[in-house]
Protein backbone atom coordinates (compact mmCIF):
# COMPACT_ATOMS: atom_id res chain seq x y z
CA MET A 1 20.51 0.16 20.75
CA LEU A 2 19.24 2.79 19.07
CA ASN A 3 22.02 2.06 16.72
CA GLU A 4 20.84 -0.69 15.60
CA LEU A 5 17.05 0.41 15.08
CA TYR A 6 18.70 3.46 13.28
CA ASN A 7 21.23 1.54 11.21
CA LYS A 8 23.18 2.78 8.24
CA ARG A 9 20.85 0.61 5.84
CA ILE A 10 17.41 2.25 7.27
CA LEU A 11 18.90 5.68 7.22
CA GLU A 12 20.16 5.22 3.37
CA LEU A 13 16.49 3.67 2.40
CA ALA A 14 14.75 6.84 4.53
CA ALA A 15 17.03 9.43 2.38
CA ASP A 16 16.06 7.65 -1.15
CA ILE A 17 12.54 7.37 -1.12
CA PRO A 18 11.25 6.91 -5.15
CA LEU A 19 8.06 7.69 -6.88
CA THR A 20 7.27 10.71 -4.22
CA GLU A 21 5.03 12.76 -6.54
CA ARG A 22 1.55 12.11 -6.12
CA LEU A 23 0.05 10.85 -9.03
CA ALA A 24 -2.40 13.15 -10.72
CA ALA A 25 -5.37 11.13 -11.50
CA PRO A 26 -5.60 7.82 -9.20
CA ASP A 27 -8.17 5.10 -8.92
CA ALA A 28 -7.64 5.30 -5.38
CA SER A 29 -5.52 7.35 -2.53
CA SER A 30 -5.29 6.59 1.17
CA THR A 31 -3.66 8.65 4.16
CA LYS A 32 -2.47 6.89 7.24
CA VAL A 33 -1.49 8.95 10.34
CA SER A 34 0.78 7.38 13.69
CA LYS A 35 -1.37 8.73 16.38
CA LEU A 36 2.00 8.27 18.75
CA CYS A 37 4.36 10.08 16.86
CA GLY A 38 2.02 12.31 13.79
CA SER A 39 4.27 10.51 11.16
CA ARG A 40 1.83 10.40 7.88
CA VAL A 41 1.70 8.61 4.44
CA THR A 42 -0.42 9.19 1.60
CA VAL A 43 -0.56 7.00 -1.21
CA ASP A 44 -2.26 7.18 -4.74
CA VAL A 45 -2.67 3.93 -6.90
CA THR A 46 -3.95 3.02 -10.25
CA VAL A 47 -5.04 -0.39 -10.44
CA GLU A 48 -5.59 -3.05 -13.93
CA LYS A 49 -7.55 -5.99 -13.07
CA ASP A 50 -5.87 -7.07 -9.73
CA ARG A 51 -1.98 -5.02 -10.19
CA VAL A 52 -0.70 -1.82 -9.12
CA THR A 53 -0.41 0.21 -12.45
CA GLY A 54 0.96 3.40 -10.98
CA TYR A 55 1.87 4.54 -6.94
CA GLY A 56 2.89 7.76 -6.02
CA ALA A 57 3.01 8.84 -2.26
CA GLU A 58 3.41 11.68 -0.10
CA ILE A 59 6.00 10.67 2.92
CA ARG A 60 6.00 12.58 6.12
CA ALA A 61 7.29 9.92 8.75
CA CYS A 62 10.22 9.34 10.71
CA ALA A 63 12.80 7.41 9.49
CA LEU A 64 11.43 4.25 10.11
CA GLY A 65 8.03 5.09 8.14
CA GLN A 66 10.60 6.50 4.99
CA ALA A 67 12.43 3.32 5.43
CA SER A 68 9.42 1.58 4.89
CA SER A 69 7.78 3.56 2.42
CA SER A 70 11.15 3.35 0.15
CA ILE A 71 10.89 -0.71 0.32
CA MET A 72 7.19 -0.30 -0.90
CA ALA A 73 7.58 2.10 -3.15
CA ARG A 74 10.58 -0.30 -4.98
CA HIS A 75 8.05 -3.35 -5.07
CA VAL A 76 4.51 -2.16 -5.25
CA VAL A 77 4.43 -1.54 -9.34
CA GLY A 78 3.83 -4.84 -10.98
CA ALA A 79 2.68 -6.26 -7.45
CA SER A 80 -1.19 -7.44 -7.14
CA ALA A 81 -2.95 -6.91 -4.71
CA GLU A 82 -2.92 -10.11 -2.88
CA GLU A 83 0.85 -10.09 -2.64
CA LEU A 84 0.47 -6.72 -1.06
CA HIS A 85 -1.99 -8.13 1.58
CA ALA A 86 0.32 -10.99 2.05
CA VAL A 87 3.46 -8.86 2.44
CA ALA A 88 1.27 -6.80 4.45
CA ALA A 89 0.43 -9.23 6.80
CA ALA A 90 3.76 -10.68 7.08
CA MET A 91 5.10 -7.50 8.57
CA ARG A 92 2.52 -6.94 10.99
CA ALA A 93 3.19 -10.81 12.12
CA MET A 94 7.21 -9.92 11.76
CA LEU A 95 6.71 -6.45 14.25
CA LYS A 96 4.14 -7.77 16.58
CA GLU A 97 4.59 -11.64 16.76
CA GLY A 98 8.14 -11.87 15.95
CA ALA A 99 7.55 -14.02 12.94
CA GLU A 100 10.44 -14.12 10.36
CA ALA A 101 10.81 -11.47 8.12
CA PRO A 102 8.76 -11.66 4.78
CA SER A 103 11.00 -13.15 2.37
CA ILE A 104 8.75 -12.17 -0.46
CA TRP A 105 10.55 -8.65 -0.40
CA PRO A 106 14.06 -9.61 1.46
CA ASP A 107 14.87 -6.40 1.86
CA LEU A 108 12.46 -6.14 4.65
CA ALA A 109 14.51 -7.77 7.15
CA ILE A 110 16.41 -4.84 7.53
CA LEU A 111 12.95 -3.28 9.64
CA GLU A 112 13.71 -6.54 11.70
CA PRO A 113 14.96 -4.53 14.61
CA VAL A 114 11.52 -2.22 14.74
CA ARG A 115 10.21 -5.65 16.51
CA ASP A 116 11.99 -4.69 19.75
CA TYR A 117 10.64 -1.15 20.00
CA LYS A 118 6.77 -1.17 20.16
CA ALA A 119 6.12 2.85 19.80
CA ARG A 120 7.48 2.30 16.26
CA HIS A 121 5.79 -0.27 14.57
CA ALA A 122 2.77 1.86 13.76
CA SER A 123 4.95 4.74 11.92
CA THR A 124 6.69 1.41 9.96
CA LEU A 125 3.35 -0.58 9.03
CA LEU A 126 1.84 2.96 8.05
CA VAL A 127 2.76 2.67 4.12
CA PHE A 128 1.63 -0.46 4.02
CA GLU A 129 -2.07 0.05 5.70
CA ALA A 130 -2.07 3.13 3.33
CA VAL A 131 -1.22 0.92 0.10
CA GLU A 132 -3.98 -2.13 1.19
CA GLU A 133 -6.74 0.70 1.74
CA ALA A 134 -5.64 2.00 -1.82
CA VAL A 135 -5.49 -0.91 -3.80
CA ASP A 136 -9.05 -2.33 -2.46
CA MET A 137 -10.48 0.93 -3.26
CA ALA A 138 -9.47 1.31 -6.71
CA MET A 139 -10.43 -2.53 -7.47
CA ALA A 140 -13.75 -1.89 -5.73
CA LYS A 141 -13.77 1.41 -7.77
CA ASN A 142 -12.51 -0.58 -11.10
CA ARG A 143 -15.47 -3.61 -10.57
CA GLN A 144 -18.44 -0.90 -10.40
CA GLU A 145 -17.20 0.65 -13.49
CA LEU A 146 -17.02 -2.44 -15.16
CA GLU A 147 -20.07 -3.35 -13.76
CA GLY A 148 -21.98 0.26 -15.10
CA SER A 149 -20.27 0.20 -17.94
CA GLU A 150 -21.88 -3.26 -18.67
CA THR A 151 -25.12 -2.57 -18.29
CA GLN A 152 -24.98 0.96 -19.78
CA GLY A 153 -24.50 -1.01 -23.18
CA ALA A 154 -27.17 -2.80 -23.11
CA LEU A 155 -30.25 -2.43 -24.84
CA PRO A 156 -33.66 -2.81 -23.32
CA THR A 157 -35.42 -5.70 -24.15
CA LEU A 158 -39.18 -5.42 -25.15
CA THR A 159 -41.57 -8.17 -24.90
CA SER A 160 -44.78 -8.39 -26.99
CA THR A 161 -47.89 -10.25 -25.92
CA GLY A 162 -48.87 -10.17 -29.17
CA PRO A 163 -51.23 -7.26 -31.54
CA ALA A 164 -51.98 -4.11 -29.32
């Protein structure tokens, strides 16, 4: 039973997580913690338009949280916000509703056995929740900065009603 959950591929992914250095100047960061097991995932992102251009993470999680973080790190750079939200929604559906594994990132199918262990859902989903939040915050920040720069560069308009 547990052998299926902690299979060889999950353990390999957990032992090989790319992009584990935090970014020096992220557009946004998010930390998520599992109340049940104490797993903690912190992600940093940079975003241009609606795509992730940089990613770094600090992962202090169980093997399942590490494995899902490893998969995320292999796909996140270049992904759009829409894609990341779709993947996160598909993962939630797979674990909580018994849906098929997300086809957009086929390697997520390795996490299907987690479905049968409700207590492990939260740690497996931490990275997805953190990335969704960080990307949304980065996009909002970038929109706000863009709007601010557009109004900052504008010259005030003077209206004259004739000679003084």
